[in-house]
Amino acid sequence: MSGARGNPATVADCLRVGAGFSQGDRNWIAEQFTPLDARLAAFPADGTELEVSVKDREARGQKITLECWIAGRSKIVTTSSEEDLRAGLHDVRDDLRRRLNDAKTRQEPRHNRHLRDTGLPEPTPVDEAATPAGDEPTGGAEPTA
């Protein structure tokens, strides 16, 4: 991991509940989002925020939104239209985890500087004068008798 300066981010530290949820729901939601802790640990807690909200809770057309802000990166927004609240929370959680993984792999590799700085080796020229007479490369048509 890239190693977060200071405290690593966790769901418990960074999560806030928005519209449609109460503070009483926060602990239950944080439990649902604990698989995100492994991915968030690469970022500092003071530069990371998560906000979950739901529109039309428990209704047929409910929409769950999870927003993630990480300092120095674009905001990531995931949504779900699952009718079951728990399934919707798992859906936005898994989508955020996938998108964080994708963003991580898109970055330039940090510990492979030699792969970035050095290109392919230069081809070495072949000295034809040093080639023995019997080692001539064969090519073309064979002589006919």
Protein backbone atom coordinates (compact mmCIF):
# COMPACT_ATOMS: atom_id res chain seq x y z
CA MET A 1 0.00 0.00 0.00
CA SER A 2 1.06 3.53 -0.46
CA GLY A 3 0.96 4.15 3.30
CA ALA A 4 -1.27 6.89 4.55
CA ARG A 5 0.36 9.70 6.47
CA GLY A 6 -1.09 10.01 9.94
CA ASN A 7 -4.06 7.82 10.71
CA PRO A 8 -5.32 5.55 7.93
CA ALA A 9 -8.91 6.11 6.86
CA THR A 10 -11.61 3.78 8.12
CA VAL A 11 -15.34 3.72 7.53
CA ALA A 12 -15.97 4.42 11.22
CA ASP A 13 -13.87 7.60 11.07
CA CYS A 14 -15.01 8.92 7.69
CA LEU A 15 -18.70 7.98 7.36
CA ARG A 16 -21.49 10.47 7.76
CA VAL A 17 -25.15 9.84 7.11
CA GLY A 18 -27.17 12.12 4.88
CA ALA A 19 -30.81 12.47 3.95
CA GLY A 20 -33.04 9.52 4.72
CA PHE A 21 -30.87 8.11 7.51
CA SER A 22 -30.65 9.00 11.18
CA GLN A 23 -27.61 9.03 13.42
CA GLY A 24 -29.01 5.82 14.95
CA ASP A 25 -28.55 4.12 11.56
CA ARG A 26 -24.90 5.14 11.36
CA ASN A 27 -23.41 2.22 13.34
CA TRP A 28 -25.46 -0.35 11.42
CA ILE A 29 -24.39 1.20 8.09
CA ALA A 30 -20.73 1.32 9.21
CA GLU A 31 -20.95 -2.43 9.92
CA GLN A 32 -22.23 -3.02 6.38
CA PHE A 33 -19.33 -0.99 4.96
CA THR A 34 -16.45 -2.59 6.94
CA PRO A 35 -15.11 -4.42 3.83
CA LEU A 36 -14.15 -0.94 2.55
CA ASP A 37 -11.67 -0.48 5.41
CA ALA A 38 -8.95 -2.47 3.63
CA ARG A 39 -9.10 -0.21 0.55
CA LEU A 40 -9.52 3.05 2.51
CA ALA A 41 -6.48 2.30 4.70
CA ALA A 42 -4.23 3.52 1.88
CA PHE A 43 -5.55 7.06 2.38
CA PRO A 44 -5.25 9.50 5.31
CA ALA A 45 -8.33 9.78 7.54
CA ASP A 46 -8.21 13.58 7.58
CA GLY A 47 -8.45 13.74 3.76
CA THR A 48 -11.16 11.12 3.26
CA GLU A 49 -14.94 11.45 3.59
CA LEU A 50 -17.85 9.11 2.91
CA GLU A 51 -21.51 10.13 2.84
CA VAL A 52 -24.44 7.79 2.37
CA SER A 53 -27.99 8.97 1.72
CA VAL A 54 -31.27 7.46 0.59
CA LYS A 55 -34.16 8.99 -1.30
CA ASP A 56 -37.68 7.62 -0.76
CA ARG A 57 -36.52 5.13 1.89
CA GLU A 58 -38.43 1.83 1.99
CA ALA A 59 -40.48 2.91 -1.04
CA ARG A 60 -40.58 1.09 -4.36
CA GLY A 61 -38.27 3.58 -6.09
CA GLN A 62 -35.73 4.18 -3.32
CA LYS A 63 -32.30 5.32 -4.43
CA ILE A 64 -29.20 4.90 -2.28
CA THR A 65 -26.20 7.13 -2.96
CA LEU A 66 -22.67 6.74 -1.57
CA GLU A 67 -20.25 9.59 -2.19
CA CYS A 68 -16.52 9.37 -1.51
CA TRP A 69 -14.11 12.30 -1.36
CA ILE A 70 -10.38 11.60 -1.16
CA ALA A 71 -7.96 14.51 -1.11
CA GLY A 72 -6.24 14.96 -4.47
CA ARG A 73 -8.69 12.74 -6.36
CA SER A 74 -12.00 13.10 -8.13
CA LYS A 75 -15.17 12.53 -6.16
CA ILE A 76 -16.61 9.03 -6.63
CA VAL A 77 -20.39 8.60 -6.57
CA THR A 78 -22.10 5.21 -6.56
CA THR A 79 -25.85 4.61 -6.61
CA SER A 80 -28.26 1.73 -6.26
CA SER A 81 -31.97 1.33 -6.91
CA GLU A 82 -32.32 -1.97 -5.02
CA GLU A 83 -35.65 -2.23 -3.21
CA ASP A 84 -34.09 -3.93 -0.17
CA LEU A 85 -32.12 -1.42 1.94
CA ARG A 86 -29.41 -3.90 2.97
CA ALA A 87 -28.96 -5.11 -0.63
CA GLY A 88 -28.73 -1.51 -1.83
CA LEU A 89 -26.07 -0.67 0.76
CA HIS A 90 -24.07 -3.73 -0.28
CA ASP A 91 -24.46 -2.72 -3.92
CA VAL A 92 -23.06 0.80 -3.43
CA ARG A 93 -20.31 -0.55 -1.13
CA ASP A 94 -19.15 -3.12 -3.69
CA ASP A 95 -19.30 -0.59 -6.52
CA LEU A 96 -17.18 1.88 -4.54
CA ARG A 97 -14.65 -0.84 -3.73
CA ARG A 98 -14.38 -1.74 -7.45
CA ARG A 99 -13.97 1.89 -8.46
CA LEU A 100 -11.30 2.50 -5.81
CA ASN A 101 -9.44 -0.58 -7.07
CA ASP A 102 -9.71 0.66 -10.65
CA ALA A 103 -8.43 4.11 -9.68
CA LYS A 104 -5.52 2.52 -7.83
CA THR A 105 -4.47 0.36 -10.78
CA ARG A 106 -4.71 3.30 -13.22
CA GLN A 107 -2.03 5.16 -11.32
CA GLU A 108 1.56 4.93 -12.47
CA PRO A 109 3.42 2.23 -10.54
CA ARG A 110 5.38 3.85 -7.75
CA HIS A 111 7.94 1.16 -7.04
CA ASN A 112 8.80 0.30 -10.64
CA ARG A 113 10.78 3.38 -11.54
CA HIS A 114 13.27 1.29 -13.50
CA LEU A 115 10.40 0.17 -15.75
CA ARG A 116 9.38 3.78 -16.38
CA ASP A 117 12.82 5.36 -16.77
CA THR A 118 14.57 2.74 -18.85
CA GLY A 119 13.16 1.78 -22.16
CA LEU A 120 13.98 -1.25 -24.20
CA PRO A 121 17.70 -1.97 -24.55
CA GLU A 122 19.37 -0.64 -27.68
CA PRO A 123 19.92 -3.32 -30.32
CA THR A 124 23.57 -4.30 -30.57
CA PRO A 125 25.00 -4.03 -34.08
CA VAL A 126 26.31 -7.24 -35.62
CA ASP A 127 29.89 -7.01 -36.86
CA GLU A 128 29.84 -8.93 -40.15
CA ALA A 129 33.64 -9.09 -40.32
CA ALA A 130 33.70 -11.08 -37.07
CA THR A 131 31.25 -13.71 -38.38
CA PRO A 132 33.10 -16.95 -39.28
CA ALA A 133 32.74 -18.09 -42.91
CA GLY A 134 30.87 -21.27 -41.99
CA ASP A 135 28.26 -19.36 -39.97
CA GLU A 136 26.79 -17.41 -42.85
CA PRO A 137 23.06 -16.95 -42.42
CA THR A 138 21.11 -19.03 -44.89
CA GLY A 139 18.35 -17.39 -46.76
CA GLY A 140 16.88 -17.32 -50.16
CA ALA A 141 16.92 -20.15 -52.67
CA GLU A 142 19.26 -23.12 -52.49
CA PRO A 143 21.69 -23.46 -55.44
CA THR A 144 20.56 -26.05 -57.98
CA ALA A 145 22.94 -28.66 -59.44
